[in-house]
Amino acid sequence: MLGILGGDERCPIARSLDVLGEKWTLMIVRDALAGSTRFSQFQQSLGVPREVLTARLGSLVEGGVLERHAYKPDGGRVRDEYVLTEAGRDLSLVLLALGGWADRHRPSERTSDLRFVEATTGESVEAVAVTRSGHRRVALDALEAVMEG
């Protein structure tokens, strides 16, 4: 697959955007993280046109974020549902960070109906940066991007 930066496979952000960089994609992942699996659930929640939703679901399956599983409702025909893969579940951290950014820099008077919580306690969580070696928390204003090579 040719990447968005002309095939530059070195940049992890460019590689991520090859799968996730289209409008609606992360909103579909958000809904999947909240339990949606069926085409009709995504369409009702997002209001996205059918052909766009079909294309985005296909690209998420191709990108390894979702898997198609067949199901047959009572009296109905066989349909696909879309289940998050491990890669898809890992995007919860990305959405958590994006939501935190929006809360800080693009606040809204309307309260979101989506929260991320610790599963056993129900306590709200936030995205943080930690060092790989010692898992020491690093303040966002102390982060620095370094381009090597």
N, C-alpha and C. Protein backbone atom coordinates (compact mmCIF):
# COMPACT_ATOMS: atom_id res chain seq x y z
N MET A 1 0.85 -1.18 0.00
CA MET A 1 0.00 0.00 0.00
C MET A 1 0.89 1.24 0.00
N LEU A 2 0.64 2.15 -0.91
CA LEU A 2 1.40 3.39 -0.97
C LEU A 2 0.92 4.31 0.13
N GLY A 3 1.81 4.79 0.97
CA GLY A 3 1.43 5.64 2.09
C GLY A 3 1.13 7.06 1.67
N ILE A 4 0.56 7.84 2.59
CA ILE A 4 0.19 9.22 2.29
C ILE A 4 1.39 10.12 2.13
N LEU A 5 2.54 9.69 2.57
CA LEU A 5 3.75 10.48 2.38
C LEU A 5 4.61 9.87 1.28
N GLY A 6 3.95 9.42 0.22
CA GLY A 6 4.68 8.88 -0.91
C GLY A 6 5.38 7.57 -0.59
N GLY A 7 4.83 6.80 0.33
CA GLY A 7 5.40 5.51 0.65
C GLY A 7 6.45 5.55 1.75
N ASP A 8 6.59 6.67 2.45
CA ASP A 8 7.57 6.77 3.54
C ASP A 8 7.09 5.94 4.71
N GLU A 9 7.64 4.74 4.83
CA GLU A 9 7.22 3.80 5.87
C GLU A 9 7.91 4.07 7.20
N ARG A 10 8.81 5.03 7.24
CA ARG A 10 9.53 5.30 8.49
C ARG A 10 8.66 5.99 9.53
N CYS A 11 7.75 6.83 9.10
CA CYS A 11 6.97 7.65 10.04
C CYS A 11 5.75 6.89 10.54
N PRO A 12 5.68 6.61 11.85
CA PRO A 12 4.53 5.87 12.38
C PRO A 12 3.23 6.66 12.27
N ILE A 13 3.30 7.97 12.29
CA ILE A 13 2.08 8.77 12.16
C ILE A 13 1.53 8.64 10.75
N ALA A 14 2.40 8.71 9.74
CA ALA A 14 1.96 8.53 8.36
C ALA A 14 1.37 7.14 8.15
N ARG A 15 1.99 6.11 8.72
CA ARG A 15 1.47 4.75 8.58
C ARG A 15 0.10 4.63 9.24
N SER A 16 -0.08 5.28 10.37
CA SER A 16 -1.38 5.25 11.06
C SER A 16 -2.45 5.96 10.23
N LEU A 17 -2.08 7.10 9.65
CA LEU A 17 -3.06 7.86 8.88
C LEU A 17 -3.44 7.16 7.58
N ASP A 18 -2.59 6.26 7.09
CA ASP A 18 -2.97 5.46 5.92
C ASP A 18 -4.24 4.67 6.20
N VAL A 19 -4.44 4.24 7.43
CA VAL A 19 -5.63 3.48 7.82
C VAL A 19 -6.69 4.38 8.43
N LEU A 20 -6.29 5.37 9.22
CA LEU A 20 -7.23 6.12 10.05
C LEU A 20 -7.50 7.54 9.59
N GLY A 21 -6.88 7.99 8.51
CA GLY A 21 -6.90 9.40 8.16
C GLY A 21 -8.12 9.91 7.42
N GLU A 22 -9.13 9.08 7.19
CA GLU A 22 -10.31 9.53 6.47
C GLU A 22 -11.40 9.99 7.44
N LYS A 23 -12.17 10.96 6.99
CA LYS A 23 -13.29 11.43 7.79
C LYS A 23 -14.20 10.26 8.14
N TRP A 24 -14.71 10.21 9.31
CA TRP A 24 -15.61 9.22 9.87
C TRP A 24 -14.90 8.01 10.47
N THR A 25 -13.66 7.75 10.10
CA THR A 25 -13.01 6.52 10.52
C THR A 25 -12.91 6.41 12.05
N LEU A 26 -12.39 7.43 12.70
CA LEU A 26 -12.25 7.36 14.15
C LEU A 26 -13.60 7.42 14.86
N MET A 27 -14.60 8.01 14.23
CA MET A 27 -15.93 8.00 14.83
C MET A 27 -16.52 6.59 14.80
N ILE A 28 -16.23 5.84 13.75
CA ILE A 28 -16.66 4.44 13.69
C ILE A 28 -15.96 3.65 14.79
N VAL A 29 -14.66 3.88 14.96
CA VAL A 29 -13.91 3.19 16.01
C VAL A 29 -14.47 3.57 17.38
N ARG A 30 -14.78 4.84 17.58
CA ARG A 30 -15.39 5.29 18.85
C ARG A 30 -16.65 4.50 19.14
N ASP A 31 -17.53 4.39 18.15
CA ASP A 31 -18.78 3.67 18.35
C ASP A 31 -18.54 2.18 18.59
N ALA A 32 -17.55 1.61 17.90
CA ALA A 32 -17.21 0.20 18.12
C ALA A 32 -16.69 -0.01 19.54
N LEU A 33 -15.88 0.91 20.03
CA LEU A 33 -15.39 0.81 21.41
C LEU A 33 -16.54 0.88 22.41
N ALA A 34 -17.60 1.61 22.04
CA ALA A 34 -18.77 1.74 22.91
C ALA A 34 -19.77 0.61 22.72
N GLY A 35 -19.44 -0.37 21.85
CA GLY A 35 -20.27 -1.56 21.74
C GLY A 35 -21.00 -1.77 20.43
N SER A 36 -20.96 -0.81 19.51
CA SER A 36 -21.63 -1.00 18.22
C SER A 36 -20.88 -2.04 17.40
N THR A 37 -21.62 -2.91 16.72
CA THR A 37 -21.02 -3.91 15.85
C THR A 37 -21.74 -4.00 14.51
N ARG A 38 -22.92 -3.49 14.42
CA ARG A 38 -23.74 -3.68 13.22
C ARG A 38 -23.83 -2.41 12.40
N PHE A 39 -23.89 -2.61 11.08
CA PHE A 39 -23.97 -1.50 10.13
C PHE A 39 -25.05 -0.50 10.54
N SER A 40 -26.23 -1.01 10.87
CA SER A 40 -27.35 -0.13 11.22
C SER A 40 -27.06 0.69 12.48
N GLN A 41 -26.33 0.12 13.43
CA GLN A 41 -25.97 0.86 14.64
C GLN A 41 -25.04 2.02 14.31
N PHE A 42 -24.03 1.74 13.48
CA PHE A 42 -23.10 2.81 13.09
C PHE A 42 -23.84 3.90 12.32
N GLN A 43 -24.69 3.50 11.38
CA GLN A 43 -25.38 4.49 10.56
C GLN A 43 -26.33 5.34 11.39
N GLN A 44 -27.04 4.72 12.32
CA GLN A 44 -27.98 5.47 13.15
C GLN A 44 -27.23 6.45 14.06
N SER A 45 -26.14 6.02 14.64
CA SER A 45 -25.38 6.86 15.56
C SER A 45 -24.71 8.02 14.84
N LEU A 46 -24.11 7.73 13.68
CA LEU A 46 -23.27 8.72 13.00
C LEU A 46 -24.01 9.53 11.94
N GLY A 47 -25.07 8.97 11.36
CA GLY A 47 -25.77 9.67 10.29
C GLY A 47 -24.95 9.76 9.01
N VAL A 48 -23.99 8.87 8.84
CA VAL A 48 -23.11 8.87 7.68
C VAL A 48 -23.83 8.18 6.51
N PRO A 49 -23.65 8.69 5.28
CA PRO A 49 -24.27 8.02 4.13
C PRO A 49 -23.83 6.55 4.02
N ARG A 50 -24.73 5.69 3.55
CA ARG A 50 -24.48 4.24 3.46
C ARG A 50 -23.20 3.92 2.69
N GLU A 51 -23.01 4.56 1.54
CA GLU A 51 -21.84 4.24 0.72
C GLU A 51 -20.54 4.66 1.40
N VAL A 52 -20.57 5.75 2.13
CA VAL A 52 -19.39 6.19 2.87
C VAL A 52 -19.10 5.21 4.01
N LEU A 53 -20.15 4.83 4.74
CA LEU A 53 -19.97 3.89 5.85
C LEU A 53 -19.45 2.55 5.33
N THR A 54 -19.98 2.08 4.23
CA THR A 54 -19.51 0.83 3.64
C THR A 54 -18.02 0.91 3.32
N ALA A 55 -17.60 2.02 2.71
CA ALA A 55 -16.19 2.19 2.36
C ALA A 55 -15.30 2.28 3.59
N ARG A 56 -15.74 3.01 4.61
CA ARG A 56 -14.92 3.17 5.82
C ARG A 56 -14.83 1.85 6.58
N LEU A 57 -15.92 1.12 6.70
CA LEU A 57 -15.87 -0.18 7.36
C LEU A 57 -14.92 -1.11 6.60
N GLY A 58 -14.98 -1.09 5.29
CA GLY A 58 -14.08 -1.91 4.48
C GLY A 58 -12.62 -1.56 4.70
N SER A 59 -12.32 -0.26 4.77
CA SER A 59 -10.92 0.14 4.98
C SER A 59 -10.44 -0.22 6.39
N LEU A 60 -11.35 -0.20 7.37
CA LEU A 60 -10.96 -0.60 8.72
C LEU A 60 -10.74 -2.10 8.82
N VAL A 61 -11.51 -2.87 8.06
CA VAL A 61 -11.28 -4.33 8.00
C VAL A 61 -9.94 -4.58 7.31
N GLU A 62 -9.72 -3.94 6.17
CA GLU A 62 -8.47 -4.11 5.42
C GLU A 62 -7.25 -3.69 6.26
N GLY A 63 -7.43 -2.66 7.07
CA GLY A 63 -6.34 -2.15 7.91
C GLY A 63 -6.13 -2.93 9.20
N GLY A 64 -6.96 -3.96 9.45
CA GLY A 64 -6.78 -4.79 10.63
C GLY A 64 -7.34 -4.20 11.91
N VAL A 65 -8.20 -3.20 11.79
CA VAL A 65 -8.81 -2.55 12.96
C VAL A 65 -10.11 -3.26 13.36
N LEU A 66 -10.85 -3.73 12.36
CA LEU A 66 -12.09 -4.46 12.58
C LEU A 66 -12.01 -5.80 11.85
N GLU A 67 -12.79 -6.77 12.33
CA GLU A 67 -12.98 -8.04 11.64
C GLU A 67 -14.46 -8.20 11.33
N ARG A 68 -14.75 -8.77 10.15
CA ARG A 68 -16.13 -9.09 9.79
C ARG A 68 -16.49 -10.45 10.37
N HIS A 69 -17.65 -10.52 10.99
CA HIS A 69 -18.20 -11.79 11.49
C HIS A 69 -19.62 -11.89 10.96
N ALA A 70 -19.97 -13.03 10.40
CA ALA A 70 -21.33 -13.23 9.89
C ALA A 70 -22.27 -13.52 11.04
N TYR A 71 -23.49 -13.00 10.94
CA TYR A 71 -24.55 -13.34 11.88
C TYR A 71 -25.86 -13.41 11.10
N LYS A 72 -26.83 -14.10 11.65
CA LYS A 72 -28.13 -14.21 11.00
C LYS A 72 -29.21 -13.92 12.02
N PRO A 73 -29.86 -12.76 11.89
CA PRO A 73 -30.96 -12.47 12.82
C PRO A 73 -32.14 -13.40 12.56
N ASP A 74 -32.96 -13.61 13.57
CA ASP A 74 -34.14 -14.48 13.43
C ASP A 74 -34.97 -14.05 12.22
N GLY A 75 -35.17 -14.98 11.30
CA GLY A 75 -36.00 -14.71 10.13
C GLY A 75 -35.35 -13.82 9.09
N GLY A 76 -34.10 -13.46 9.28
CA GLY A 76 -33.43 -12.56 8.34
C GLY A 76 -32.36 -13.25 7.54
N ARG A 77 -31.71 -12.49 6.71
CA ARG A 77 -30.61 -13.02 5.91
C ARG A 77 -29.29 -12.84 6.65
N VAL A 78 -28.28 -13.54 6.20
CA VAL A 78 -26.96 -13.44 6.81
C VAL A 78 -26.41 -12.03 6.56
N ARG A 79 -25.87 -11.44 7.60
CA ARG A 79 -25.29 -10.09 7.54
C ARG A 79 -23.93 -10.11 8.21
N ASP A 80 -23.18 -9.03 8.01
CA ASP A 80 -21.89 -8.88 8.67
C ASP A 80 -22.03 -7.99 9.89
N GLU A 81 -21.29 -8.34 10.93
CA GLU A 81 -21.08 -7.40 12.03
C GLU A 81 -19.59 -7.14 12.10
N TYR A 82 -19.23 -6.07 12.73
CA TYR A 82 -17.84 -5.61 12.74
C TYR A 82 -17.35 -5.57 14.18
N VAL A 83 -16.31 -6.37 14.43
CA VAL A 83 -15.78 -6.54 15.78
C VAL A 83 -14.35 -6.00 15.82
N LEU A 84 -14.05 -5.24 16.86
CA LEU A 84 -12.70 -4.69 17.01
C LEU A 84 -11.67 -5.80 17.18
N THR A 85 -10.53 -5.61 16.54
CA THR A 85 -9.37 -6.47 16.76
C THR A 85 -8.57 -5.89 17.92
N GLU A 86 -7.48 -6.53 18.27
CA GLU A 86 -6.59 -5.96 19.29
C GLU A 86 -6.10 -4.59 18.84
N ALA A 87 -5.77 -4.47 17.56
CA ALA A 87 -5.33 -3.17 17.03
C ALA A 87 -6.42 -2.12 17.18
N GLY A 88 -7.67 -2.52 16.96
CA GLY A 88 -8.78 -1.60 17.12
C GLY A 88 -8.98 -1.18 18.57
N ARG A 89 -8.88 -2.14 19.48
CA ARG A 89 -9.02 -1.81 20.91
C ARG A 89 -7.90 -0.90 21.38
N ASP A 90 -6.70 -1.07 20.80
CA ASP A 90 -5.58 -0.19 21.16
C ASP A 90 -5.85 1.27 20.81
N LEU A 91 -6.76 1.52 19.89
CA LEU A 91 -7.08 2.90 19.51
C LEU A 91 -7.84 3.64 20.61
N SER A 92 -8.26 2.94 21.65
CA SER A 92 -8.93 3.63 22.76
C SER A 92 -8.02 4.70 23.34
N LEU A 93 -6.72 4.45 23.37
CA LEU A 93 -5.78 5.46 23.89
C LEU A 93 -5.71 6.68 22.98
N VAL A 94 -5.79 6.45 21.67
CA VAL A 94 -5.78 7.57 20.72
C VAL A 94 -7.02 8.42 20.91
N LEU A 95 -8.17 7.77 21.01
CA LEU A 95 -9.42 8.52 21.20
C LEU A 95 -9.46 9.21 22.55
N LEU A 96 -8.92 8.57 23.56
CA LEU A 96 -8.83 9.19 24.88
C LEU A 96 -7.99 10.46 24.81
N ALA A 97 -6.85 10.40 24.12
CA ALA A 97 -5.99 11.56 23.98
C ALA A 97 -6.66 12.66 23.14
N LEU A 98 -7.33 12.28 22.04
CA LEU A 98 -8.02 13.28 21.22
C LEU A 98 -9.14 13.96 22.00
N GLY A 99 -9.87 13.18 22.77
CA GLY A 99 -10.93 13.76 23.58
C GLY A 99 -10.40 14.72 24.64
N GLY A 100 -9.29 14.34 25.27
CA GLY A 100 -8.67 15.23 26.26
C GLY A 100 -8.19 16.52 25.63
N TRP A 101 -7.61 16.41 24.43
CA TRP A 101 -7.15 17.60 23.71
C TRP A 101 -8.34 18.52 23.43
N ALA A 102 -9.44 17.94 22.93
CA ALA A 102 -10.62 18.75 22.61
C ALA A 102 -11.19 19.40 23.87
N ASP A 103 -11.22 18.67 24.97
CA ASP A 103 -11.73 19.25 26.22
C ASP A 103 -10.89 20.45 26.66
N ARG A 104 -9.58 20.37 26.44
CA ARG A 104 -8.69 21.47 26.84
C ARG A 104 -8.68 22.62 25.84
N HIS A 105 -8.74 22.33 24.54
CA HIS A 105 -8.51 23.36 23.53
C HIS A 105 -9.71 23.69 22.66
N ARG A 106 -10.74 22.87 22.68
CA ARG A 106 -11.96 23.09 21.90
C ARG A 106 -13.17 22.76 22.78
N PRO A 107 -13.27 23.42 23.95
CA PRO A 107 -14.34 23.05 24.88
C PRO A 107 -15.73 23.31 24.29
N SER A 108 -16.69 22.54 24.80
CA SER A 108 -18.08 22.67 24.38
C SER A 108 -18.94 22.77 25.62
N GLU A 109 -20.02 23.52 25.50
CA GLU A 109 -20.96 23.62 26.61
C GLU A 109 -21.78 22.34 26.74
N ARG A 110 -21.88 21.58 25.66
CA ARG A 110 -22.62 20.32 25.69
C ARG A 110 -21.73 19.24 26.27
N THR A 111 -22.30 18.41 27.11
CA THR A 111 -21.57 17.32 27.75
C THR A 111 -21.54 16.12 26.81
N SER A 112 -20.39 15.51 26.71
CA SER A 112 -20.25 14.31 25.87
C SER A 112 -20.95 13.13 26.52
N ASP A 113 -21.49 12.25 25.69
CA ASP A 113 -22.11 11.04 26.22
C ASP A 113 -21.12 9.88 26.25
N LEU A 114 -19.86 10.13 25.90
CA LEU A 114 -18.83 9.09 25.91
C LEU A 114 -17.76 9.44 26.93
N ARG A 115 -17.47 8.49 27.80
CA ARG A 115 -16.37 8.64 28.76
C ARG A 115 -15.56 7.37 28.73
N PHE A 116 -14.28 7.48 29.03
CA PHE A 116 -13.44 6.31 29.22
C PHE A 116 -13.24 6.14 30.71
N VAL A 117 -13.45 4.91 31.19
CA VAL A 117 -13.35 4.63 32.61
C VAL A 117 -12.54 3.36 32.83
N GLU A 118 -12.00 3.22 34.02
CA GLU A 118 -11.32 1.97 34.42
C GLU A 118 -12.42 0.95 34.66
N ALA A 119 -12.30 -0.22 34.01
CA ALA A 119 -13.40 -1.18 33.95
C ALA A 119 -13.87 -1.67 35.32
N THR A 120 -12.97 -1.90 36.26
CA THR A 120 -13.40 -2.48 37.54
C THR A 120 -13.93 -1.45 38.52
N THR A 121 -13.45 -0.20 38.43
CA THR A 121 -13.89 0.81 39.40
C THR A 121 -14.86 1.83 38.83
N GLY A 122 -14.87 1.99 37.50
CA GLY A 122 -15.71 3.01 36.89
C GLY A 122 -15.13 4.41 36.99
N GLU A 123 -13.91 4.52 37.50
CA GLU A 123 -13.26 5.83 37.65
C GLU A 123 -12.82 6.36 36.29
N SER A 124 -13.09 7.65 36.02
CA SER A 124 -12.67 8.27 34.77
C SER A 124 -11.16 8.25 34.64
N VAL A 125 -10.67 8.11 33.40
CA VAL A 125 -9.24 8.06 33.14
C VAL A 125 -8.86 9.14 32.15
N GLU A 126 -7.56 9.43 32.07
CA GLU A 126 -7.03 10.38 31.11
C GLU A 126 -5.78 9.80 30.49
N ALA A 127 -5.43 10.29 29.31
CA ALA A 127 -4.22 9.84 28.63
C ALA A 127 -3.01 10.55 29.22
N VAL A 128 -1.96 9.80 29.46
CA VAL A 128 -0.71 10.38 29.97
C VAL A 128 0.45 9.76 29.21
N ALA A 129 1.57 10.46 29.25
CA ALA A 129 2.81 9.94 28.67
C ALA A 129 3.66 9.40 29.81
N VAL A 130 4.25 8.22 29.58
CA VAL A 130 5.17 7.64 30.56
C VAL A 130 6.43 7.19 29.84
N THR A 131 7.53 7.19 30.56
CA THR A 131 8.78 6.70 29.97
C THR A 131 8.68 5.20 29.77
N ARG A 132 9.35 4.70 28.74
CA ARG A 132 9.30 3.26 28.47
C ARG A 132 10.04 2.47 29.53
N SER A 133 11.15 3.00 30.00
CA SER A 133 11.98 2.21 30.91
C SER A 133 11.41 2.16 32.33
N GLY A 134 11.09 3.30 32.89
CA GLY A 134 10.68 3.33 34.29
C GLY A 134 9.21 3.61 34.50
N HIS A 135 8.47 3.79 33.43
CA HIS A 135 7.05 4.12 33.51
C HIS A 135 6.80 5.33 34.41
N ARG A 136 7.71 6.29 34.32
CA ARG A 136 7.57 7.54 35.06
C ARG A 136 6.73 8.50 34.22
N ARG A 137 5.75 9.14 34.84
CA ARG A 137 4.86 10.08 34.13
C ARG A 137 5.66 11.30 33.66
N VAL A 138 5.37 11.72 32.42
CA VAL A 138 6.03 12.88 31.82
C VAL A 138 4.95 13.91 31.50
N ALA A 139 5.16 15.14 31.95
CA ALA A 139 4.20 16.22 31.69
C ALA A 139 4.17 16.52 30.19
N LEU A 140 2.99 16.86 29.67
CA LEU A 140 2.86 17.14 28.25
C LEU A 140 3.77 18.27 27.79
N ASP A 141 3.97 19.28 28.64
CA ASP A 141 4.84 20.39 28.22
C ASP A 141 6.32 20.00 28.26
N ALA A 142 6.64 18.81 28.74
CA ALA A 142 8.02 18.33 28.74
C ALA A 142 8.29 17.36 27.59
N LEU A 143 7.26 17.05 26.78
CA LEU A 143 7.44 16.17 25.64
C LEU A 143 8.10 16.90 24.49
N GLU A 144 8.91 16.20 23.75
CA GLU A 144 9.57 16.78 22.59
C GLU A 144 9.62 15.73 21.49
N ALA A 145 9.23 16.12 20.28
CA ALA A 145 9.33 15.23 19.13
C ALA A 145 10.73 15.38 18.55
N VAL A 146 11.37 14.28 18.26
CA VAL A 146 12.73 14.28 17.72
C VAL A 146 12.71 13.54 16.40
N MET A 147 13.14 14.23 15.34
CA MET A 147 13.23 13.60 14.01
C MET A 147 14.66 13.10 13.84
N GLU A 148 14.79 11.80 13.65
CA GLU A 148 16.12 11.21 13.47
C GLU A 148 16.32 10.86 12.01
N GLY A 149 17.56 10.93 11.59
CA GLY A 149 17.89 10.50 10.23
C GLY A 149 17.86 11.55 9.27
